[in-house]
Amino acid sequence: MSTKKSFLIRIDPVLYDAIQRWADDEFRSINSHIEFLLRETLKKNGRLLAKQDEKKETDNKIPPTTD
């Protein structure tokens, strides 16, 4: 299972409010929306390898249950 790194970020209140509104529009928490924006920017700029992103997606999938 994947673990996430926690850290504190200082952010301008106007920027925070804009991201919060955008996150609300996308039905995401502000935390997950910031992570989404960072991931998309990294991919766009070639800083995140496709294999790293695929592994992240696989790690986050819930395994099927057997009843």
C-alpha atoms as a PDB file:
ATOM      1  CA  MET A   1       0.000   0.000   0.000  1.00  0.00           C
ATOM      2  CA  SER A   2       1.261   3.450  -0.874  1.00  0.00           C
ATOM      3  CA  THR A   3       1.963   5.984   1.846  1.00  0.00           C
ATOM      4  CA  LYS A   4       1.781   9.700   1.305  1.00  0.00           C
ATOM      5  CA  LYS A   5       4.273  12.289   2.470  1.00  0.00           C
ATOM      6  CA  SER A   6       2.760  14.979   4.694  1.00  0.00           C
ATOM      7  CA  PHE A   7       4.065  18.538   4.727  1.00  0.00           C
ATOM      8  CA  LEU A   8       2.918  22.021   5.629  1.00  0.00           C
ATOM      9  CA  ILE A   9       2.508  24.601   2.881  1.00  0.00           C
ATOM     10  CA  ARG A  10       2.151  28.358   3.218  1.00  0.00           C
ATOM     11  CA  ILE A  11      -0.079  29.747   0.510  1.00  0.00           C
ATOM     12  CA  ASP A  12      -1.547  33.140  -0.319  1.00  0.00           C
ATOM     13  CA  PRO A  13      -5.211  33.260   0.835  1.00  0.00           C
ATOM     14  CA  VAL A  14      -6.398  34.489  -2.580  1.00  0.00           C
ATOM     15  CA  LEU A  15      -4.652  31.567  -4.301  1.00  0.00           C
ATOM     16  CA  TYR A  16      -6.067  29.142  -1.720  1.00  0.00           C
ATOM     17  CA  ASP A  17      -9.613  30.433  -2.295  1.00  0.00           C
ATOM     18  CA  ALA A  18      -9.251  30.074  -6.072  1.00  0.00           C
ATOM     19  CA  ILE A  19      -7.982  26.499  -5.734  1.00  0.00           C
ATOM     20  CA  GLN A  20     -10.763  25.707  -3.265  1.00  0.00           C
ATOM     21  CA  ARG A  21     -13.426  26.920  -5.699  1.00  0.00           C
ATOM     22  CA  TRP A  22     -11.859  24.894  -8.509  1.00  0.00           C
ATOM     23  CA  ALA A  23     -11.638  21.804  -6.292  1.00  0.00           C
ATOM     24  CA  ASP A  24     -15.304  22.224  -5.346  1.00  0.00           C
ATOM     25  CA  ASP A  25     -16.229  22.409  -9.046  1.00  0.00           C
ATOM     26  CA  GLU A  26     -14.377  19.119  -9.621  1.00  0.00           C
ATOM     27  CA  PHE A  27     -15.840  17.447  -6.479  1.00  0.00           C
ATOM     28  CA  ARG A  28     -12.363  17.051  -4.978  1.00  0.00           C
ATOM     29  CA  SER A  29     -10.878  18.032  -1.657  1.00  0.00           C
ATOM     30  CA  ILE A  30      -8.425  20.889  -1.889  1.00  0.00           C
ATOM     31  CA  ASN A  31      -5.631  18.482  -0.930  1.00  0.00           C
ATOM     32  CA  SER A  32      -6.437  16.019  -3.716  1.00  0.00           C
ATOM     33  CA  HIS A  33      -6.888  18.870  -6.200  1.00  0.00           C
ATOM     34  CA  ILE A  34      -3.475  20.334  -5.394  1.00  0.00           C
ATOM     35  CA  GLU A  35      -1.972  16.850  -5.799  1.00  0.00           C
ATOM     36  CA  PHE A  36      -3.819  16.480  -9.138  1.00  0.00           C
ATOM     37  CA  LEU A  37      -2.530  19.856 -10.363  1.00  0.00           C
ATOM     38  CA  LEU A  38       1.035  19.036  -9.338  1.00  0.00           C
ATOM     39  CA  ARG A  39       0.895  15.597 -10.994  1.00  0.00           C
ATOM     40  CA  GLU A  40      -0.506  17.017 -14.253  1.00  0.00           C
ATOM     41  CA  THR A  41       2.141  19.766 -14.312  1.00  0.00           C
ATOM     42  CA  LEU A  42       4.932  17.255 -13.674  1.00  0.00           C
ATOM     43  CA  LYS A  43       3.691  14.994 -16.484  1.00  0.00           C
ATOM     44  CA  LYS A  44       3.284  17.938 -18.872  1.00  0.00           C
ATOM     45  CA  ASN A  45       6.870  19.027 -18.228  1.00  0.00           C
ATOM     46  CA  GLY A  46       8.386  15.538 -18.425  1.00  0.00           C
ATOM     47  CA  ARG A  47       9.285  15.468 -14.735  1.00  0.00           C
ATOM     48  CA  LEU A  48       7.131  12.454 -13.856  1.00  0.00           C
ATOM     49  CA  LEU A  49       7.797   9.265 -15.729  1.00  0.00           C
ATOM     50  CA  ALA A  50       4.730   7.409 -16.993  1.00  0.00           C
ATOM     51  CA  LYS A  51       5.838   4.281 -15.086  1.00  0.00           C
ATOM     52  CA  GLN A  52       5.912   6.249 -11.814  1.00  0.00           C
ATOM     53  CA  ASP A  53       2.396   7.534 -12.429  1.00  0.00           C
ATOM     54  CA  GLU A  54       1.096   4.086 -13.441  1.00  0.00           C
ATOM     55  CA  LYS A  55       2.554   2.596 -10.251  1.00  0.00           C
ATOM     56  CA  LYS A  56       0.815   5.321  -8.223  1.00  0.00           C
ATOM     57  CA  GLU A  57      -2.518   4.537  -9.873  1.00  0.00           C
ATOM     58  CA  THR A  58      -2.059   0.782  -9.286  1.00  0.00           C
ATOM     59  CA  ASP A  59      -1.122   1.319  -5.636  1.00  0.00           C
ATOM     60  CA  ASN A  60      -4.298   3.305  -5.020  1.00  0.00           C
ATOM     61  CA  LYS A  61      -6.704   0.720  -6.441  1.00  0.00           C
ATOM     62  CA  ILE A  62      -8.737  -1.216  -3.917  1.00  0.00           C
ATOM     63  CA  PRO A  63      -8.294  -4.970  -4.345  1.00  0.00           C
ATOM     64  CA  PRO A  64     -11.450  -6.952  -5.059  1.00  0.00           C
ATOM     65  CA  THR A  65     -13.075  -8.653  -2.124  1.00  0.00           C
ATOM     66  CA  THR A  66     -13.827 -12.352  -2.040  1.00  0.00           C
ATOM     67  CA  ASP A  67     -17.104 -13.313  -0.442  1.00  0.00           C
END
